[in-house]
Amino acid sequence: MLWLKRDPFEGISEEYRKALGEEEHRLLTGFFNKSSADSILLEMHEFLILVLKGPRASDTYKPDWGLKDTLVAYMERKNLDIPPDVEEFFPEEIDLSQYVEAWKLAVALKRERSQR
């Protein structure tokens, strides 16, 4: 999508695109560098595309809700086991309003790690 000069997050409300602060960036970097992030990345992507891309997503999923709590609840509704590192170490300080930027950071860190 980026190569085609298209926004890969087209259709996702601006309410979920707030920038990460330095502290949130540091906390997420620490989490994704320590843990095996593949399963949570898959769930984050699915939630982003299937749930937050909806035109009225913010009516149901408030941007000021915690990202961790919302993702854990989403995974529990699907009867998935929550990875222990997510429950224990995923930063509570990240809000749904920062979802897109958190996703971008997670993918960039995964790409960087795989190139080592």
N, C-alpha and C. Protein backbone atom coordinates (compact mmCIF):
# COMPACT_ATOMS: atom_id res chain seq x y z
N MET A 1 0.82 -1.19 0.00
CA MET A 1 0.00 0.00 0.00
C MET A 1 0.87 1.25 0.00
N LEU A 2 1.92 1.22 0.79
CA LEU A 2 2.78 2.41 0.84
C LEU A 2 3.48 2.63 -0.48
N TRP A 3 3.86 1.55 -1.15
CA TRP A 3 4.53 1.68 -2.44
C TRP A 3 3.59 2.28 -3.48
N LEU A 4 2.32 2.03 -3.32
CA LEU A 4 1.32 2.57 -4.24
C LEU A 4 0.88 3.98 -3.85
N LYS A 5 1.53 4.53 -2.83
CA LYS A 5 1.21 5.87 -2.32
C LYS A 5 -0.22 5.94 -1.82
N ARG A 6 -0.71 4.84 -1.26
CA ARG A 6 -2.05 4.81 -0.69
C ARG A 6 -1.93 4.68 0.82
N ASP A 7 -2.90 5.22 1.50
CA ASP A 7 -2.93 5.15 2.95
C ASP A 7 -3.42 3.76 3.36
N PRO A 8 -2.56 2.96 4.01
CA PRO A 8 -2.99 1.62 4.41
C PRO A 8 -4.06 1.65 5.50
N PHE A 9 -4.28 2.82 6.09
CA PHE A 9 -5.26 2.95 7.16
C PHE A 9 -6.47 3.75 6.71
N GLU A 10 -6.68 3.80 5.42
CA GLU A 10 -7.85 4.48 4.88
C GLU A 10 -9.11 3.86 5.48
N GLY A 11 -10.03 4.70 5.89
CA GLY A 11 -11.27 4.22 6.47
C GLY A 11 -11.23 4.12 7.99
N ILE A 12 -10.06 4.30 8.57
CA ILE A 12 -9.94 4.28 10.02
C ILE A 12 -9.98 5.71 10.52
N SER A 13 -10.86 5.97 11.45
CA SER A 13 -11.09 7.32 11.96
C SER A 13 -9.81 7.97 12.49
N GLU A 14 -9.76 9.28 12.34
CA GLU A 14 -8.65 10.06 12.90
C GLU A 14 -8.58 9.90 14.41
N GLU A 15 -9.69 9.52 15.01
CA GLU A 15 -9.72 9.35 16.47
C GLU A 15 -8.77 8.26 16.96
N TYR A 16 -8.35 7.37 16.06
CA TYR A 16 -7.44 6.29 16.42
C TYR A 16 -6.03 6.51 15.89
N ARG A 17 -5.70 7.72 15.50
CA ARG A 17 -4.41 8.01 14.87
C ARG A 17 -3.54 8.99 15.66
N LYS A 18 -3.82 9.15 16.92
CA LYS A 18 -3.07 10.08 17.76
C LYS A 18 -1.62 9.60 17.89
N ALA A 19 -0.70 10.55 17.89
CA ALA A 19 0.73 10.23 17.99
C ALA A 19 1.06 9.65 19.37
N LEU A 20 2.08 8.83 19.39
CA LEU A 20 2.59 8.31 20.65
C LEU A 20 3.53 9.35 21.26
N GLY A 21 3.45 9.53 22.55
CA GLY A 21 4.41 10.37 23.24
C GLY A 21 5.71 9.60 23.44
N GLU A 22 6.72 10.28 23.93
CA GLU A 22 8.02 9.62 24.16
C GLU A 22 7.89 8.44 25.11
N GLU A 23 7.12 8.62 26.18
CA GLU A 23 6.97 7.55 27.16
C GLU A 23 6.24 6.34 26.57
N GLU A 24 5.15 6.58 25.84
CA GLU A 24 4.43 5.46 25.21
C GLU A 24 5.31 4.75 24.19
N HIS A 25 6.08 5.51 23.44
CA HIS A 25 7.01 4.94 22.45
C HIS A 25 8.02 4.04 23.15
N ARG A 26 8.59 4.53 24.24
CA ARG A 26 9.58 3.77 25.00
C ARG A 26 8.96 2.48 25.56
N LEU A 27 7.77 2.59 26.14
CA LEU A 27 7.11 1.43 26.73
C LEU A 27 6.78 0.36 25.68
N LEU A 28 6.24 0.78 24.56
CA LEU A 28 5.92 -0.18 23.50
C LEU A 28 7.17 -0.81 22.91
N THR A 29 8.21 -0.01 22.73
CA THR A 29 9.47 -0.54 22.21
C THR A 29 10.01 -1.61 23.17
N GLY A 30 9.97 -1.32 24.46
CA GLY A 30 10.41 -2.30 25.45
C GLY A 30 9.60 -3.59 25.37
N PHE A 31 8.29 -3.46 25.26
CA PHE A 31 7.44 -4.65 25.18
C PHE A 31 7.75 -5.46 23.93
N PHE A 32 7.76 -4.82 22.77
CA PHE A 32 7.93 -5.57 21.53
C PHE A 32 9.35 -6.09 21.35
N ASN A 33 10.34 -5.50 22.01
CA ASN A 33 11.70 -6.02 21.94
C ASN A 33 11.90 -7.22 22.87
N LYS A 34 11.08 -7.32 23.91
CA LYS A 34 11.24 -8.41 24.88
C LYS A 34 10.38 -9.62 24.57
N SER A 35 9.26 -9.41 23.93
CA SER A 35 8.30 -10.50 23.80
C SER A 35 8.23 -11.03 22.37
N SER A 36 7.63 -12.20 22.27
CA SER A 36 7.32 -12.75 20.97
C SER A 36 6.00 -12.12 20.55
N ALA A 37 6.07 -11.16 19.69
CA ALA A 37 4.92 -10.31 19.40
C ALA A 37 4.03 -10.82 18.27
N ASP A 38 4.36 -11.94 17.67
CA ASP A 38 3.61 -12.38 16.49
C ASP A 38 2.12 -12.55 16.74
N SER A 39 1.75 -13.20 17.84
CA SER A 39 0.33 -13.44 18.08
C SER A 39 -0.42 -12.15 18.36
N ILE A 40 0.17 -11.25 19.13
CA ILE A 40 -0.52 -10.00 19.43
C ILE A 40 -0.58 -9.11 18.18
N LEU A 41 0.45 -9.16 17.34
CA LEU A 41 0.41 -8.39 16.09
C LEU A 41 -0.72 -8.87 15.19
N LEU A 42 -0.91 -10.16 15.13
CA LEU A 42 -2.00 -10.71 14.32
C LEU A 42 -3.35 -10.24 14.84
N GLU A 43 -3.53 -10.30 16.15
CA GLU A 43 -4.80 -9.84 16.74
C GLU A 43 -4.98 -8.34 16.57
N MET A 44 -3.90 -7.58 16.71
CA MET A 44 -3.99 -6.12 16.52
C MET A 44 -4.42 -5.80 15.09
N HIS A 45 -3.84 -6.51 14.13
CA HIS A 45 -4.16 -6.28 12.72
C HIS A 45 -5.63 -6.61 12.45
N GLU A 46 -6.06 -7.76 12.94
CA GLU A 46 -7.45 -8.17 12.73
C GLU A 46 -8.42 -7.15 13.34
N PHE A 47 -8.15 -6.72 14.55
CA PHE A 47 -9.02 -5.75 15.23
C PHE A 47 -9.04 -4.43 14.47
N LEU A 48 -7.89 -4.02 13.99
CA LEU A 48 -7.78 -2.78 13.22
C LEU A 48 -8.64 -2.84 11.96
N ILE A 49 -8.52 -3.91 11.22
CA ILE A 49 -9.22 -4.04 9.93
C ILE A 49 -10.70 -4.38 10.10
N LEU A 50 -11.01 -5.32 10.98
CA LEU A 50 -12.40 -5.77 11.10
C LEU A 50 -13.26 -4.92 12.02
N VAL A 51 -12.66 -4.25 12.98
CA VAL A 51 -13.45 -3.52 13.96
C VAL A 51 -13.29 -2.01 13.82
N LEU A 52 -12.06 -1.53 13.88
CA LEU A 52 -11.85 -0.08 13.88
C LEU A 52 -12.06 0.57 12.52
N LYS A 53 -12.07 -0.23 11.48
CA LYS A 53 -12.27 0.33 10.14
C LYS A 53 -13.74 0.66 9.88
N GLY A 54 -14.62 0.21 10.74
CA GLY A 54 -16.04 0.49 10.58
C GLY A 54 -16.35 1.97 10.74
N PRO A 55 -17.34 2.46 10.03
CA PRO A 55 -17.65 3.90 10.05
C PRO A 55 -18.10 4.41 11.41
N ARG A 56 -18.63 3.55 12.24
CA ARG A 56 -19.12 3.99 13.56
C ARG A 56 -18.35 3.31 14.69
N ALA A 57 -17.10 2.96 14.42
CA ALA A 57 -16.30 2.24 15.42
C ALA A 57 -16.20 2.99 16.74
N SER A 58 -16.05 4.30 16.67
CA SER A 58 -15.85 5.06 17.91
C SER A 58 -17.12 5.16 18.75
N ASP A 59 -18.26 4.77 18.19
CA ASP A 59 -19.49 4.70 18.99
C ASP A 59 -19.42 3.52 19.97
N THR A 60 -18.74 2.46 19.55
CA THR A 60 -18.62 1.26 20.36
C THR A 60 -17.29 1.19 21.10
N TYR A 61 -16.21 1.54 20.41
CA TYR A 61 -14.85 1.47 20.96
C TYR A 61 -14.32 2.88 21.16
N LYS A 62 -14.45 3.38 22.37
CA LYS A 62 -14.09 4.76 22.69
C LYS A 62 -12.58 4.96 22.60
N PRO A 63 -12.14 6.02 21.93
CA PRO A 63 -10.70 6.27 21.77
C PRO A 63 -9.93 6.41 23.09
N ASP A 64 -10.61 6.75 24.18
CA ASP A 64 -9.89 6.91 25.44
C ASP A 64 -9.82 5.60 26.25
N TRP A 65 -10.32 4.51 25.70
CA TRP A 65 -10.19 3.21 26.34
C TRP A 65 -8.76 2.72 26.20
N GLY A 66 -8.33 1.88 27.11
CA GLY A 66 -6.99 1.30 27.04
C GLY A 66 -6.87 0.27 25.92
N LEU A 67 -5.79 0.34 25.19
CA LEU A 67 -5.54 -0.60 24.10
C LEU A 67 -5.40 -2.03 24.63
N LYS A 68 -4.64 -2.20 25.69
CA LYS A 68 -4.43 -3.54 26.25
C LYS A 68 -5.75 -4.17 26.68
N ASP A 69 -6.53 -3.45 27.48
CA ASP A 69 -7.79 -4.01 27.97
C ASP A 69 -8.75 -4.34 26.84
N THR A 70 -8.79 -3.49 25.83
CA THR A 70 -9.69 -3.71 24.70
C THR A 70 -9.26 -4.93 23.90
N LEU A 71 -7.96 -5.06 23.63
CA LEU A 71 -7.46 -6.21 22.87
C LEU A 71 -7.65 -7.52 23.65
N VAL A 72 -7.37 -7.48 24.94
CA VAL A 72 -7.55 -8.68 25.76
C VAL A 72 -9.02 -9.11 25.75
N ALA A 73 -9.93 -8.16 25.91
CA ALA A 73 -11.36 -8.49 25.87
C ALA A 73 -11.76 -9.05 24.51
N TYR A 74 -11.22 -8.48 23.44
CA TYR A 74 -11.50 -8.96 22.08
C TYR A 74 -11.03 -10.41 21.92
N MET A 75 -9.83 -10.69 22.40
CA MET A 75 -9.29 -12.04 22.30
C MET A 75 -10.09 -13.02 23.16
N GLU A 76 -10.52 -12.57 24.34
CA GLU A 76 -11.32 -13.44 25.21
C GLU A 76 -12.66 -13.77 24.57
N ARG A 77 -13.28 -12.81 23.88
CA ARG A 77 -14.55 -13.08 23.19
C ARG A 77 -14.37 -14.13 22.10
N LYS A 78 -13.17 -14.24 21.57
CA LYS A 78 -12.88 -15.24 20.54
C LYS A 78 -12.40 -16.56 21.17
N ASN A 79 -12.44 -16.62 22.49
CA ASN A 79 -11.97 -17.80 23.24
C ASN A 79 -10.51 -18.13 22.97
N LEU A 80 -9.69 -17.11 22.81
CA LEU A 80 -8.26 -17.30 22.61
C LEU A 80 -7.54 -17.19 23.95
N ASP A 81 -6.44 -17.91 24.05
CA ASP A 81 -5.59 -17.75 25.23
C ASP A 81 -4.81 -16.45 25.08
N ILE A 82 -4.77 -15.68 26.15
CA ILE A 82 -4.02 -14.44 26.14
C ILE A 82 -2.57 -14.78 26.45
N PRO A 83 -1.62 -14.40 25.58
CA PRO A 83 -0.22 -14.68 25.88
C PRO A 83 0.17 -14.04 27.22
N PRO A 84 0.86 -14.80 28.08
CA PRO A 84 1.23 -14.27 29.39
C PRO A 84 2.01 -12.97 29.32
N ASP A 85 2.88 -12.83 28.32
CA ASP A 85 3.66 -11.59 28.23
C ASP A 85 2.77 -10.39 27.91
N VAL A 86 1.66 -10.61 27.21
CA VAL A 86 0.72 -9.51 26.94
C VAL A 86 0.04 -9.10 28.24
N GLU A 87 -0.46 -10.08 28.98
CA GLU A 87 -1.14 -9.75 30.23
C GLU A 87 -0.21 -9.08 31.22
N GLU A 88 1.03 -9.53 31.25
CA GLU A 88 1.96 -9.03 32.26
C GLU A 88 2.68 -7.75 31.84
N PHE A 89 3.08 -7.64 30.57
CA PHE A 89 4.00 -6.57 30.19
C PHE A 89 3.47 -5.54 29.19
N PHE A 90 2.36 -5.82 28.50
CA PHE A 90 1.88 -4.83 27.53
C PHE A 90 1.52 -3.55 28.29
N PRO A 91 2.04 -2.40 27.84
CA PRO A 91 1.84 -1.16 28.61
C PRO A 91 0.38 -0.73 28.70
N GLU A 92 -0.05 -0.45 29.91
CA GLU A 92 -1.42 0.00 30.18
C GLU A 92 -1.65 1.44 29.71
N GLU A 93 -0.57 2.18 29.50
CA GLU A 93 -0.67 3.62 29.22
C GLU A 93 -1.12 3.95 27.80
N ILE A 94 -1.20 2.97 26.91
CA ILE A 94 -1.54 3.21 25.51
C ILE A 94 -3.06 3.17 25.36
N ASP A 95 -3.61 4.19 24.73
CA ASP A 95 -5.06 4.27 24.49
C ASP A 95 -5.40 3.81 23.07
N LEU A 96 -6.67 3.50 22.86
CA LEU A 96 -7.13 3.17 21.50
C LEU A 96 -6.88 4.33 20.55
N SER A 97 -6.88 5.56 21.07
CA SER A 97 -6.63 6.72 20.21
C SER A 97 -5.25 6.67 19.57
N GLN A 98 -4.35 5.85 20.10
CA GLN A 98 -2.98 5.72 19.58
C GLN A 98 -2.78 4.40 18.82
N TYR A 99 -3.87 3.76 18.47
CA TYR A 99 -3.82 2.42 17.87
C TYR A 99 -2.98 2.36 16.60
N VAL A 100 -3.25 3.26 15.67
CA VAL A 100 -2.55 3.21 14.38
C VAL A 100 -1.05 3.41 14.58
N GLU A 101 -0.67 4.37 15.40
CA GLU A 101 0.75 4.63 15.64
C GLU A 101 1.40 3.47 16.40
N ALA A 102 0.67 2.86 17.32
CA ALA A 102 1.20 1.69 18.03
C ALA A 102 1.43 0.54 17.05
N TRP A 103 0.49 0.36 16.14
CA TRP A 103 0.61 -0.69 15.12
C TRP A 103 1.82 -0.43 14.22
N LYS A 104 1.97 0.80 13.77
CA LYS A 104 3.11 1.15 12.91
C LYS A 104 4.43 0.87 13.62
N LEU A 105 4.52 1.26 14.88
CA LEU A 105 5.75 1.04 15.65
C LEU A 105 6.02 -0.45 15.80
N ALA A 106 5.00 -1.22 16.13
CA ALA A 106 5.17 -2.66 16.32
C ALA A 106 5.67 -3.33 15.04
N VAL A 107 5.10 -2.96 13.92
CA VAL A 107 5.52 -3.55 12.64
C VAL A 107 6.94 -3.13 12.29
N ALA A 108 7.28 -1.87 12.53
CA ALA A 108 8.64 -1.39 12.25
C ALA A 108 9.66 -2.13 13.12
N LEU A 109 9.34 -2.34 14.38
CA LEU A 109 10.25 -3.06 15.27
C LEU A 109 10.40 -4.52 14.84
N LYS A 110 9.31 -5.13 14.43
CA LYS A 110 9.38 -6.53 13.96
C LYS A 110 10.23 -6.62 12.69
N ARG A 111 10.04 -5.69 11.78
CA ARG A 111 10.82 -5.68 10.54
C ARG A 111 12.30 -5.48 10.86
N GLU A 112 12.59 -4.55 11.75
CA GLU A 112 13.97 -4.28 12.15
C GLU A 112 14.61 -5.51 12.77
N ARG A 113 13.87 -6.20 13.63
CA ARG A 113 14.39 -7.40 14.29
C ARG A 113 14.66 -8.52 13.28
N SER A 114 13.80 -8.65 12.29
CA SER A 114 13.98 -9.73 11.30
C SER A 114 15.14 -9.46 10.34
N GLN A 115 15.58 -8.21 10.25
CA GLN A 115 16.69 -7.87 9.36
C GLN A 115 18.04 -8.04 10.03
N ARG A 116 18.05 -8.32 11.32
CA ARG A 116 19.32 -8.50 12.04
C ARG A 116 19.94 -9.82 11.74
